[in-house]
Full PDB file with SEQRES, HELIX, SHEET, SSBOND, CRYST1, ORIGX, SCALE, CONECT and MASTER records, all heavy atoms in Angstrom:
SEQRES   1 A   41  TYR LYS GLU LYS GLY PHE TYR ILE SER LEU ILE CYS GLY          
SEQRES   2 A   41  ILE VAL CYS LEU ALA ALA PHE GLY PHE ILE CYS MET ASN          
SEQRES   3 A   41  VAL PHE SER ASP GLY SER GLY GLU GLN GLU ASN ALA VAL          
SEQRES   4 A   41  VAL ALA                                                      
HELIX    1 AA1 LYS A    2  VAL A   40  1                                  39    
CRYST1    1.000    1.000    1.000  90.00  90.00  90.00 P 1           1          
ORIGX1      1.000000  0.000000  0.000000        0.00000                         
ORIGX2      0.000000  1.000000  0.000000        0.00000                         
ORIGX3      0.000000  0.000000  1.000000        0.00000                         
SCALE1      1.000000  0.000000  0.000000        0.00000                         
SCALE2      0.000000  1.000000  0.000000        0.00000                         
SCALE3      0.000000  0.000000  1.000000        0.00000                         
ATOM      1  N   TYR A   1     -12.613  58.776 -92.895  1.00  0.00           N  
ATOM      2  CA  TYR A   1     -13.074  57.578 -92.115  1.00  0.00           C  
ATOM      3  C   TYR A   1     -13.857  58.049 -90.926  1.00  0.00           C  
ATOM      4  O   TYR A   1     -14.783  57.407 -90.498  1.00  0.00           O  
ATOM      5  CB  TYR A   1     -11.881  56.693 -91.677  1.00  0.00           C  
ATOM      6  CG  TYR A   1     -11.325  55.946 -92.832  1.00  0.00           C  
ATOM      7  CD1 TYR A   1     -10.054  56.315 -93.422  1.00  0.00           C  
ATOM      8  CD2 TYR A   1     -11.922  54.816 -93.365  1.00  0.00           C  
ATOM      9  CE1 TYR A   1      -9.498  55.610 -94.482  1.00  0.00           C  
ATOM     10  CE2 TYR A   1     -11.350  54.088 -94.420  1.00  0.00           C  
ATOM     11  CZ  TYR A   1     -10.191  54.459 -94.999  1.00  0.00           C  
ATOM     12  OH  TYR A   1      -9.639  53.748 -96.057  1.00  0.00           O  
ATOM     13  N   LYS A   2     -13.379  59.198 -90.360  1.00  0.00           N  
ATOM     14  CA  LYS A   2     -14.117  59.719 -89.202  1.00  0.00           C  
ATOM     15  C   LYS A   2     -15.562  60.102 -89.617  1.00  0.00           C  
ATOM     16  O   LYS A   2     -16.505  59.834 -88.925  1.00  0.00           O  
ATOM     17  CB  LYS A   2     -13.392  60.935 -88.569  1.00  0.00           C  
ATOM     18  CG  LYS A   2     -12.147  60.535 -87.855  1.00  0.00           C  
ATOM     19  CD  LYS A   2     -11.492  61.728 -87.205  1.00  0.00           C  
ATOM     20  CE  LYS A   2     -10.174  61.382 -86.473  1.00  0.00           C  
ATOM     21  NZ  LYS A   2      -9.486  62.537 -85.845  1.00  0.00           N  
ATOM     22  N   GLU A   3     -15.707  60.789 -90.689  1.00  0.00           N  
ATOM     23  CA  GLU A   3     -16.994  61.196 -91.184  1.00  0.00           C  
ATOM     24  C   GLU A   3     -17.856  59.983 -91.559  1.00  0.00           C  
ATOM     25  O   GLU A   3     -19.019  59.937 -91.288  1.00  0.00           O  
ATOM     26  CB  GLU A   3     -16.872  62.160 -92.384  1.00  0.00           C  
ATOM     27  CG  GLU A   3     -16.227  63.475 -91.999  1.00  0.00           C  
ATOM     28  CD  GLU A   3     -16.060  64.328 -93.219  1.00  0.00           C  
ATOM     29  OE1 GLU A   3     -16.342  63.853 -94.386  1.00  0.00           O  
ATOM     30  OE2 GLU A   3     -15.711  65.525 -93.053  1.00  0.00           O  
ATOM     31  N   LYS A   4     -17.187  58.952 -92.176  1.00  0.00           N  
ATOM     32  CA  LYS A   4     -17.912  57.752 -92.536  1.00  0.00           C  
ATOM     33  C   LYS A   4     -18.397  57.030 -91.323  1.00  0.00           C  
ATOM     34  O   LYS A   4     -19.506  56.528 -91.266  1.00  0.00           O  
ATOM     35  CB  LYS A   4     -16.974  56.895 -93.401  1.00  0.00           C  
ATOM     36  CG  LYS A   4     -17.653  55.649 -93.992  1.00  0.00           C  
ATOM     37  CD  LYS A   4     -16.660  54.936 -94.851  1.00  0.00           C  
ATOM     38  CE  LYS A   4     -17.331  53.744 -95.443  1.00  0.00           C  
ATOM     39  NZ  LYS A   4     -16.399  52.980 -96.335  1.00  0.00           N  
ATOM     40  N   GLY A   5     -17.579  56.958 -90.326  1.00  0.00           N  
ATOM     41  CA  GLY A   5     -17.972  56.321 -89.056  1.00  0.00           C  
ATOM     42  C   GLY A   5     -19.129  57.046 -88.373  1.00  0.00           C  
ATOM     43  O   GLY A   5     -20.055  56.467 -87.812  1.00  0.00           O  
ATOM     44  N   PHE A   6     -19.088  58.365 -88.556  1.00  0.00           N  
ATOM     45  CA  PHE A   6     -20.179  59.130 -87.929  1.00  0.00           C  
ATOM     46  C   PHE A   6     -21.501  58.815 -88.596  1.00  0.00           C  
ATOM     47  O   PHE A   6     -22.519  58.672 -87.949  1.00  0.00           O  
ATOM     48  CB  PHE A   6     -19.839  60.635 -88.089  1.00  0.00           C  
ATOM     49  CG  PHE A   6     -20.970  61.521 -87.677  1.00  0.00           C  
ATOM     50  CD1 PHE A   6     -21.241  61.757 -86.305  1.00  0.00           C  
ATOM     51  CD2 PHE A   6     -21.777  62.157 -88.616  1.00  0.00           C  
ATOM     52  CE1 PHE A   6     -22.288  62.561 -85.957  1.00  0.00           C  
ATOM     53  CE2 PHE A   6     -22.779  62.954 -88.226  1.00  0.00           C  
ATOM     54  CZ  PHE A   6     -23.083  63.150 -86.917  1.00  0.00           C  
ATOM     55  N   TYR A   7     -21.557  58.771 -89.859  1.00  0.00           N  
ATOM     56  CA  TYR A   7     -22.810  58.513 -90.618  1.00  0.00           C  
ATOM     57  C   TYR A   7     -23.265  57.123 -90.375  1.00  0.00           C  
ATOM     58  O   TYR A   7     -24.500  56.894 -90.260  1.00  0.00           O  
ATOM     59  CB  TYR A   7     -22.600  58.767 -92.156  1.00  0.00           C  
ATOM     60  CG  TYR A   7     -22.515  60.226 -92.485  1.00  0.00           C  
ATOM     61  CD1 TYR A   7     -21.322  60.802 -93.009  1.00  0.00           C  
ATOM     62  CD2 TYR A   7     -23.644  61.026 -92.340  1.00  0.00           C  
ATOM     63  CE1 TYR A   7     -21.261  62.155 -93.299  1.00  0.00           C  
ATOM     64  CE2 TYR A   7     -23.554  62.378 -92.662  1.00  0.00           C  
ATOM     65  CZ  TYR A   7     -22.387  62.902 -93.093  1.00  0.00           C  
ATOM     66  OH  TYR A   7     -22.349  64.245 -93.436  1.00  0.00           O  
ATOM     67  N   ILE A   8     -22.325  56.185 -90.260  1.00  0.00           N  
ATOM     68  CA  ILE A   8     -22.752  54.794 -89.955  1.00  0.00           C  
ATOM     69  C   ILE A   8     -23.399  54.723 -88.604  1.00  0.00           C  
ATOM     70  O   ILE A   8     -24.387  54.108 -88.399  1.00  0.00           O  
ATOM     71  CB  ILE A   8     -21.518  53.887 -90.030  1.00  0.00           C  
ATOM     72  CG1 ILE A   8     -21.032  53.764 -91.487  1.00  0.00           C  
ATOM     73  CG2 ILE A   8     -21.854  52.476 -89.522  1.00  0.00           C  
ATOM     74  CD1 ILE A   8     -19.700  53.041 -91.637  1.00  0.00           C  
ATOM     75  N   SER A   9     -22.720  55.394 -87.644  1.00  0.00           N  
ATOM     76  CA  SER A   9     -23.328  55.401 -86.290  1.00  0.00           C  
ATOM     77  C   SER A   9     -24.672  56.062 -86.279  1.00  0.00           C  
ATOM     78  O   SER A   9     -25.642  55.596 -85.629  1.00  0.00           O  
ATOM     79  CB  SER A   9     -22.378  56.152 -85.303  1.00  0.00           C  
ATOM     80  OG  SER A   9     -21.128  55.497 -85.247  1.00  0.00           O  
ATOM     81  N   LEU A  10     -24.821  57.174 -87.075  1.00  0.00           N  
ATOM     82  CA  LEU A  10     -26.114  57.843 -87.091  1.00  0.00           C  
ATOM     83  C   LEU A  10     -27.205  56.956 -87.712  1.00  0.00           C  
ATOM     84  O   LEU A  10     -28.313  56.905 -87.235  1.00  0.00           O  
ATOM     85  CB  LEU A  10     -25.935  59.116 -87.931  1.00  0.00           C  
ATOM     86  CG  LEU A  10     -27.215  59.967 -88.126  1.00  0.00           C  
ATOM     87  CD1 LEU A  10     -27.725  60.387 -86.713  1.00  0.00           C  
ATOM     88  CD2 LEU A  10     -26.957  61.203 -88.992  1.00  0.00           C  
ATOM     89  N   ILE A  11     -26.844  56.234 -88.798  1.00  0.00           N  
ATOM     90  CA  ILE A  11     -27.813  55.383 -89.458  1.00  0.00           C  
ATOM     91  C   ILE A  11     -28.222  54.249 -88.542  1.00  0.00           C  
ATOM     92  O   ILE A  11     -29.419  53.909 -88.396  1.00  0.00           O  
ATOM     93  CB  ILE A  11     -27.236  54.825 -90.771  1.00  0.00           C  
ATOM     94  CG1 ILE A  11     -27.110  55.949 -91.747  1.00  0.00           C  
ATOM     95  CG2 ILE A  11     -28.133  53.715 -91.329  1.00  0.00           C  
ATOM     96  CD1 ILE A  11     -26.311  55.598 -93.002  1.00  0.00           C  
ATOM     97  N   CYS A  12     -27.235  53.710 -87.809  1.00  0.00           N  
ATOM     98  CA  CYS A  12     -27.500  52.597 -86.873  1.00  0.00           C  
ATOM     99  C   CYS A  12     -28.481  53.088 -85.754  1.00  0.00           C  
ATOM    100  O   CYS A  12     -29.397  52.376 -85.344  1.00  0.00           O  
ATOM    101  CB  CYS A  12     -26.246  52.073 -86.256  1.00  0.00           C  
ATOM    102  SG  CYS A  12     -25.192  51.135 -87.438  1.00  0.00           S  
ATOM    103  N   GLY A  13     -28.203  54.351 -85.277  1.00  0.00           N  
ATOM    104  CA  GLY A  13     -29.081  54.883 -84.252  1.00  0.00           C  
ATOM    105  C   GLY A  13     -30.495  55.040 -84.729  1.00  0.00           C  
ATOM    106  O   GLY A  13     -31.464  54.807 -84.028  1.00  0.00           O  
ATOM    107  N   ILE A  14     -30.623  55.543 -86.014  1.00  0.00           N  
ATOM    108  CA  ILE A  14     -31.975  55.748 -86.524  1.00  0.00           C  
ATOM    109  C   ILE A  14     -32.701  54.398 -86.671  1.00  0.00           C  
ATOM    110  O   ILE A  14     -33.903  54.294 -86.359  1.00  0.00           O  
ATOM    111  CB  ILE A  14     -31.859  56.495 -87.860  1.00  0.00           C  
ATOM    112  CG1 ILE A  14     -31.373  57.920 -87.662  1.00  0.00           C  
ATOM    113  CG2 ILE A  14     -33.237  56.481 -88.595  1.00  0.00           C  
ATOM    114  CD1 ILE A  14     -31.052  58.668 -88.919  1.00  0.00           C  
ATOM    115  N   VAL A  15     -31.952  53.420 -87.144  1.00  0.00           N  
ATOM    116  CA  VAL A  15     -32.587  52.080 -87.340  1.00  0.00           C  
ATOM    117  C   VAL A  15     -33.022  51.571 -85.948  1.00  0.00           C  
ATOM    118  O   VAL A  15     -34.104  50.952 -85.833  1.00  0.00           O  
ATOM    119  CB  VAL A  15     -31.573  51.126 -88.023  1.00  0.00           C  
ATOM    120  CG1 VAL A  15     -32.125  49.678 -87.992  1.00  0.00           C  
ATOM    121  CG2 VAL A  15     -31.379  51.593 -89.453  1.00  0.00           C  
ATOM    122  N   CYS A  16     -32.161  51.695 -84.949  1.00  0.00           N  
ATOM    123  CA  CYS A  16     -32.583  51.210 -83.610  1.00  0.00           C  
ATOM    124  C   CYS A  16     -33.790  51.932 -83.084  1.00  0.00           C  
ATOM    125  O   CYS A  16     -34.715  51.332 -82.469  1.00  0.00           O  
ATOM    126  CB  CYS A  16     -31.343  51.405 -82.642  1.00  0.00           C  
ATOM    127  SG  CYS A  16     -29.989  50.328 -83.029  1.00  0.00           S  
ATOM    128  N   LEU A  17     -33.809  53.254 -83.292  1.00  0.00           N  
ATOM    129  CA  LEU A  17     -35.006  54.004 -82.812  1.00  0.00           C  
ATOM    130  C   LEU A  17     -36.288  53.524 -83.556  1.00  0.00           C  
ATOM    131  O   LEU A  17     -37.350  53.404 -82.959  1.00  0.00           O  
ATOM    132  CB  LEU A  17     -34.782  55.502 -83.022  1.00  0.00           C  
ATOM    133  CG  LEU A  17     -33.738  56.167 -82.109  1.00  0.00           C  
ATOM    134  CD1 LEU A  17     -33.488  57.595 -82.526  1.00  0.00           C  
ATOM    135  CD2 LEU A  17     -34.205  56.127 -80.646  1.00  0.00           C  
ATOM    136  N   ALA A  18     -36.118  53.316 -84.812  1.00  0.00           N  
ATOM    137  CA  ALA A  18     -37.334  52.901 -85.615  1.00  0.00           C  
ATOM    138  C   ALA A  18     -37.780  51.540 -85.147  1.00  0.00           C  
ATOM    139  O   ALA A  18     -38.999  51.301 -85.004  1.00  0.00           O  
ATOM    140  CB  ALA A  18     -36.961  52.836 -87.109  1.00  0.00           C  
ATOM    141  N   ALA A  19     -36.827  50.631 -84.897  1.00  0.00           N  
ATOM    142  CA  ALA A  19     -37.217  49.279 -84.382  1.00  0.00           C  
ATOM    143  C   ALA A  19     -37.895  49.358 -83.048  1.00  0.00           C  
ATOM    144  O   ALA A  19     -38.897  48.683 -82.776  1.00  0.00           O  
ATOM    145  CB  ALA A  19     -35.956  48.404 -84.392  1.00  0.00           C  
ATOM    146  N   PHE A  20     -37.295  50.217 -82.183  1.00  0.00           N  
ATOM    147  CA  PHE A  20     -37.857  50.335 -80.822  1.00  0.00           C  
ATOM    148  C   PHE A  20     -39.292  50.896 -80.907  1.00  0.00           C  
ATOM    149  O   PHE A  20     -40.251  50.456 -80.262  1.00  0.00           O  
ATOM    150  CB  PHE A  20     -36.968  51.255 -79.979  1.00  0.00           C  
ATOM    151  CG  PHE A  20     -37.480  51.464 -78.611  1.00  0.00           C  
ATOM    152  CD1 PHE A  20     -37.338  50.522 -77.636  1.00  0.00           C  
ATOM    153  CD2 PHE A  20     -38.152  52.656 -78.279  1.00  0.00           C  
ATOM    154  CE1 PHE A  20     -37.788  50.677 -76.393  1.00  0.00           C  
ATOM    155  CE2 PHE A  20     -38.608  52.865 -76.991  1.00  0.00           C  
ATOM    156  CZ  PHE A  20     -38.458  51.866 -76.044  1.00  0.00           C  
ATOM    157  N   GLY A  21     -39.477  51.894 -81.813  1.00  0.00           N  
ATOM    158  CA  GLY A  21     -40.811  52.457 -81.953  1.00  0.00           C  
ATOM    159  C   GLY A  21     -41.817  51.500 -82.506  1.00  0.00           C  
ATOM    160  O   GLY A  21     -42.992  51.436 -82.108  1.00  0.00           O  
ATOM    161  N   PHE A  22     -41.368  50.658 -83.431  1.00  0.00           N  
ATOM    162  CA  PHE A  22     -42.281  49.662 -83.989  1.00  0.00           C  
ATOM    163  C   PHE A  22     -42.737  48.623 -82.992  1.00  0.00           C  
ATOM    164  O   PHE A  22     -43.898  48.273 -82.907  1.00  0.00           O  
ATOM    165  CB  PHE A  22     -41.572  48.948 -85.175  1.00  0.00           C  
ATOM    166  CG  PHE A  22     -42.387  47.883 -85.855  1.00  0.00           C  
ATOM    167  CD1 PHE A  22     -43.378  48.235 -86.708  1.00  0.00           C  
ATOM    168  CD2 PHE A  22     -42.129  46.530 -85.595  1.00  0.00           C  
ATOM    169  CE1 PHE A  22     -44.114  47.254 -87.344  1.00  0.00           C  
ATOM    170  CE2 PHE A  22     -42.887  45.572 -86.180  1.00  0.00           C  
ATOM    171  CZ  PHE A  22     -43.899  45.923 -87.072  1.00  0.00           C  
ATOM    172  N   ILE A  23     -41.758  48.240 -82.137  1.00  0.00           N  
ATOM    173  CA  ILE A  23     -42.049  47.257 -81.098  1.00  0.00           C  
ATOM    174  C   ILE A  23     -43.046  47.856 -80.107  1.00  0.00           C  
ATOM    175  O   ILE A  23     -44.035  47.197 -79.694  1.00  0.00           O  
ATOM    176  CB  ILE A  23     -40.796  46.816 -80.386  1.00  0.00           C  
ATOM    177  CG1 ILE A  23     -39.955  45.992 -81.325  1.00  0.00           C  
ATOM    178  CG2 ILE A  23     -41.079  45.946 -79.138  1.00  0.00           C  
ATOM    179  CD1 ILE A  23     -38.496  45.681 -80.800  1.00  0.00           C  
ATOM    180  N   CYS A  24     -42.838  49.107 -79.736  1.00  0.00           N  
ATOM    181  CA  CYS A  24     -43.741  49.758 -78.797  1.00  0.00           C  
ATOM    182  C   CYS A  24     -45.192  49.869 -79.325  1.00  0.00           C  
ATOM    183  O   CYS A  24     -46.174  49.668 -78.642  1.00  0.00           O  
ATOM    184  CB  CYS A  24     -43.175  51.143 -78.353  1.00  0.00           C  
ATOM    185  SG  CYS A  24     -41.726  51.082 -77.414  1.00  0.00           S  
ATOM    186  N   MET A  25     -45.298  50.190 -80.621  1.00  0.00           N  
ATOM    187  CA  MET A  25     -46.570  50.358 -81.228  1.00  0.00           C  
ATOM    188  C   MET A  25     -47.334  49.026 -81.220  1.00  0.00           C  
ATOM    189  O   MET A  25     -48.523  48.982 -80.963  1.00  0.00           O  
ATOM    190  CB  MET A  25     -46.454  50.883 -82.666  1.00  0.00           C  
ATOM    191  CG  MET A  25     -46.053  52.312 -82.738  1.00  0.00           C  
ATOM    192  SD  MET A  25     -45.765  52.830 -84.443  1.00  0.00           S  
ATOM    193  CE  MET A  25     -47.430  52.683 -85.026  1.00  0.00           C  
ATOM    194  N   ASN A  26     -46.598  47.917 -81.501  1.00  0.00           N  
ATOM    195  CA  ASN A  26     -47.294  46.579 -81.489  1.00  0.00           C  
ATOM    196  C   ASN A  26     -47.764  46.197 -80.097  1.00  0.00           C  
ATOM    197  O   ASN A  26     -48.837  45.713 -79.901  1.00  0.00           O  
ATOM    198  CB  ASN A  26     -46.303  45.537 -81.999  1.00  0.00           C  
ATOM    199  CG  ASN A  26     -46.119  45.608 -83.500  1.00  0.00           C  
ATOM    200  OD1 ASN A  26     -46.931  46.168 -84.206  1.00  0.00           O  
ATOM    201  ND2 ASN A  26     -44.942  45.103 -83.966  1.00  0.00           N  
ATOM    202  N   VAL A  27     -46.920  46.517 -79.084  1.00  0.00           N  
ATOM    203  CA  VAL A  27     -47.326  46.199 -77.713  1.00  0.00           C  
ATOM    204  C   VAL A  27     -48.562  46.945 -77.319  1.00  0.00           C  
ATOM    205  O   VAL A  27     -49.533  46.407 -76.802  1.00  0.00           O  
ATOM    206  CB  VAL A  27     -46.175  46.472 -76.753  1.00  0.00           C  
ATOM    207  CG1 VAL A  27     -46.620  46.337 -75.323  1.00  0.00           C  
ATOM    208  CG2 VAL A  27     -45.010  45.507 -77.048  1.00  0.00           C  
ATOM    209  N   PHE A  28     -48.564  48.319 -77.570  1.00  0.00           N  
ATOM    210  CA  PHE A  28     -49.669  49.099 -77.162  1.00  0.00           C  
ATOM    211  C   PHE A  28     -50.937  48.773 -77.926  1.00  0.00           C  
ATOM    212  O   PHE A  28     -52.062  48.753 -77.418  1.00  0.00           O  
ATOM    213  CB  PHE A  28     -49.377  50.579 -77.300  1.00  0.00           C  
ATOM    214  CG  PHE A  28     -48.497  51.112 -76.171  1.00  0.00           C  
ATOM    215  CD1 PHE A  28     -47.173  51.497 -76.430  1.00  0.00           C  
ATOM    216  CD2 PHE A  28     -48.934  51.221 -74.867  1.00  0.00           C  
ATOM    217  CE1 PHE A  28     -46.343  51.959 -75.430  1.00  0.00           C  
ATOM    218  CE2 PHE A  28     -48.106  51.681 -73.885  1.00  0.00           C  
ATOM    219  CZ  PHE A  28     -46.821  52.033 -74.155  1.00  0.00           C  
ATOM    220  N   SER A  29     -50.774  48.478 -79.259  1.00  0.00           N  
ATOM    221  CA  SER A  29     -51.928  48.146 -80.087  1.00  0.00           C  
ATOM    222  C   SER A  29     -52.564  46.824 -79.652  1.00  0.00           C  
ATOM    223  O   SER A  29     -53.755  46.689 -79.596  1.00  0.00           O  
ATOM    224  CB  SER A  29     -51.544  48.109 -81.546  1.00  0.00           C  
ATOM    225  OG  SER A  29     -50.592  47.076 -81.751  1.00  0.00           O  
ATOM    226  N   ASP A  30     -51.743  45.849 -79.251  1.00  0.00           N  
ATOM    227  CA  ASP A  30     -52.269  44.535 -78.771  1.00  0.00           C  
ATOM    228  C   ASP A  30     -53.060  44.716 -77.506  1.00  0.00           C  
ATOM    229  O   ASP A  30     -54.103  44.179 -77.305  1.00  0.00           O  
ATOM    230  CB  ASP A  30     -51.148  43.562 -78.615  1.00  0.00           C  
ATOM    231  CG  ASP A  30     -50.525  43.126 -79.957  1.00  0.00           C  
ATOM    232  OD1 ASP A  30     -51.231  43.321 -80.997  1.00  0.00           O  
ATOM    233  OD2 ASP A  30     -49.407  42.683 -79.940  1.00  0.00           O  
ATOM    234  N   GLY A  31     -52.532  45.529 -76.623  1.00  0.00           N  
ATOM    235  CA  GLY A  31     -53.192  45.740 -75.316  1.00  0.00           C  
ATOM    236  C   GLY A  31     -54.516  46.426 -75.454  1.00  0.00           C  
ATOM    237  O   GLY A  31     -55.523  46.092 -74.859  1.00  0.00           O  
ATOM    238  N   SER A  32     -54.575  47.534 -76.286  1.00  0.00           N  
ATOM    239  CA  SER A  32     -55.812  48.285 -76.490  1.00  0.00           C  
ATOM    240  C   SER A  32     -56.855  47.436 -77.204  1.00  0.00           C  
ATOM    241  O   SER A  32     -58.064  47.513 -76.918  1.00  0.00           O  
ATOM    242  CB  SER A  32     -55.557  49.566 -77.237  1.00  0.00           C  
ATOM    243  OG  SER A  32     -55.023  49.288 -78.527  1.00  0.00           O  
ATOM    244  N   GLY A  33     -56.430  46.606 -78.176  1.00  0.00           N  
ATOM    245  CA  GLY A  33     -57.378  45.711 -78.882  1.00  0.00           C  
ATOM    246  C   GLY A  33     -58.015  44.731 -77.988  1.00  0.00           C  
ATOM    247  O   GLY A  33     -59.192  44.476 -78.048  1.00  0.00           O  
ATOM    248  N   GLU A  34     -57.230  44.171 -77.077  1.00  0.00           N  
ATOM    249  CA  GLU A  34     -57.809  43.205 -76.099  1.00  0.00           C  
ATOM    250  C   GLU A  34     -58.771  43.898 -75.207  1.00  0.00           C  
ATOM    251  O   GLU A  34     -59.838  43.341 -74.870  1.00  0.00           O  
ATOM    252  CB  GLU A  34     -56.674  42.586 -75.313  1.00  0.00           C  
ATOM    253  CG  GLU A  34     -55.799  41.636 -76.108  1.00  0.00           C  
ATOM    254  CD  GLU A  34     -54.611  41.062 -75.298  1.00  0.00           C  
ATOM    255  OE1 GLU A  34     -54.544  41.460 -74.106  1.00  0.00           O  
ATOM    256  OE2 GLU A  34     -53.865  40.277 -75.835  1.00  0.00           O  
ATOM    257  N   GLN A  35     -58.378  45.158 -74.807  1.00  0.00           N  
ATOM    258  CA  GLN A  35     -59.339  45.863 -73.922  1.00  0.00           C  
ATOM    259  C   GLN A  35     -60.576  46.148 -74.645  1.00  0.00           C  
ATOM    260  O   GLN A  35     -61.700  46.068 -74.114  1.00  0.00           O  
ATOM    261  CB  GLN A  35     -58.650  47.190 -73.427  1.00  0.00           C  
ATOM    262  CG  GLN A  35     -57.494  46.944 -72.430  1.00  0.00           C  
ATOM    263  CD  GLN A  35     -56.865  48.270 -72.043  1.00  0.00           C  
ATOM    264  OE1 GLN A  35     -57.245  49.298 -72.482  1.00  0.00           O  
ATOM    265  NE2 GLN A  35     -55.884  48.149 -71.075  1.00  0.00           N  
ATOM    266  N   GLU A  36     -60.488  46.645 -75.968  1.00  0.00           N  
ATOM    267  CA  GLU A  36     -61.680  46.958 -76.681  1.00  0.00           C  
ATOM    268  C   GLU A  36     -62.521  45.694 -76.925  1.00  0.00           C  
ATOM    269  O   GLU A  36     -63.754  45.755 -76.785  1.00  0.00           O  
ATOM    270  CB  GLU A  36     -61.339  47.589 -78.071  1.00  0.00           C  
ATOM    271  CG  GLU A  36     -60.760  48.938 -77.948  1.00  0.00           C  
ATOM    272  CD  GLU A  36     -60.321  49.453 -79.271  1.00  0.00           C  
ATOM    273  OE1 GLU A  36     -60.465  48.695 -80.293  1.00  0.00           O  
ATOM    274  OE2 GLU A  36     -59.842  50.622 -79.370  1.00  0.00           O  
ATOM    275  N   ASN A  37     -61.883  44.609 -77.222  1.00  0.00           N  
ATOM    276  CA  ASN A  37     -62.635  43.316 -77.411  1.00  0.00           C  
ATOM    277  C   ASN A  37     -63.305  42.908 -76.115  1.00  0.00           C  
ATOM    278  O   ASN A  37     -64.452  42.422 -76.134  1.00  0.00           O  
ATOM    279  CB  ASN A  37     -61.715  42.203 -77.872  1.00  0.00           C  
ATOM    280  CG  ASN A  37     -61.170  42.455 -79.256  1.00  0.00           C  
ATOM    281  OD1 ASN A  37     -61.822  43.169 -80.024  1.00  0.00           O  
ATOM    282  ND2 ASN A  37     -60.002  41.919 -79.604  1.00  0.00           N  
ATOM    283  N   ALA A  38     -62.671  43.138 -74.952  1.00  0.00           N  
ATOM    284  CA  ALA A  38     -63.281  42.784 -73.712  1.00  0.00           C  
ATOM    285  C   ALA A  38     -64.491  43.661 -73.454  1.00  0.00           C  
ATOM    286  O   ALA A  38     -65.515  43.185 -72.917  1.00  0.00           O  
ATOM    287  CB  ALA A  38     -62.239  42.925 -72.595  1.00  0.00           C  
ATOM    288  N   VAL A  39     -64.367  44.990 -73.739  1.00  0.00           N  
ATOM    289  CA  VAL A  39     -65.505  45.911 -73.507  1.00  0.00           C  
ATOM    290  C   VAL A  39     -66.683  45.526 -74.366  1.00  0.00           C  
ATOM    291  O   VAL A  39     -67.818  45.475 -73.953  1.00  0.00           O  
ATOM    292  CB  VAL A  39     -65.060  47.337 -73.776  1.00  0.00           C  
ATOM    293  CG1 VAL A  39     -66.254  48.235 -73.722  1.00  0.00           C  
ATOM    294  CG2 VAL A  39     -64.012  47.748 -72.711  1.00  0.00           C  
ATOM    295  N   VAL A  40     -66.366  45.255 -75.714  1.00  0.00           N  
ATOM    296  CA  VAL A  40     -67.429  44.854 -76.635  1.00  0.00           C  
ATOM    297  C   VAL A  40     -68.122  43.573 -76.170  1.00  0.00           C  
ATOM    298  O   VAL A  40     -69.343  43.407 -76.236  1.00  0.00           O  
ATOM    299  CB  VAL A  40     -66.889  44.692 -78.035  1.00  0.00           C  
ATOM    300  CG1 VAL A  40     -67.940  44.083 -78.951  1.00  0.00           C  
ATOM    301  CG2 VAL A  40     -66.405  46.053 -78.583  1.00  0.00           C  
ATOM    302  N   ALA A  41     -67.317  42.645 -75.705  1.00  0.00           N  
ATOM    303  CA  ALA A  41     -67.848  41.359 -75.244  1.00  0.00           C  
ATOM    304  C   ALA A  41     -68.766  41.557 -74.067  1.00  0.00           C  
ATOM    305  O   ALA A  41     -69.833  40.967 -73.932  1.00  0.00           O  
ATOM    306  CB  ALA A  41     -66.709  40.362 -74.879  1.00  0.00           C  
TER     307      ALA A  41                                                      
MASTER        0    0    0    1    0    0    0    6  306    1    0    4          
END                                                                             
């Protein structure tokens, strides 16, 4: 059970990190797109 809990915790951590990274990529991509659109305009 200890080993099972460890893997569960590890998987949860990986999922959280992936979600956090996805959110950050969307935020930065939206900001750079607006800046590029503004420059082109």
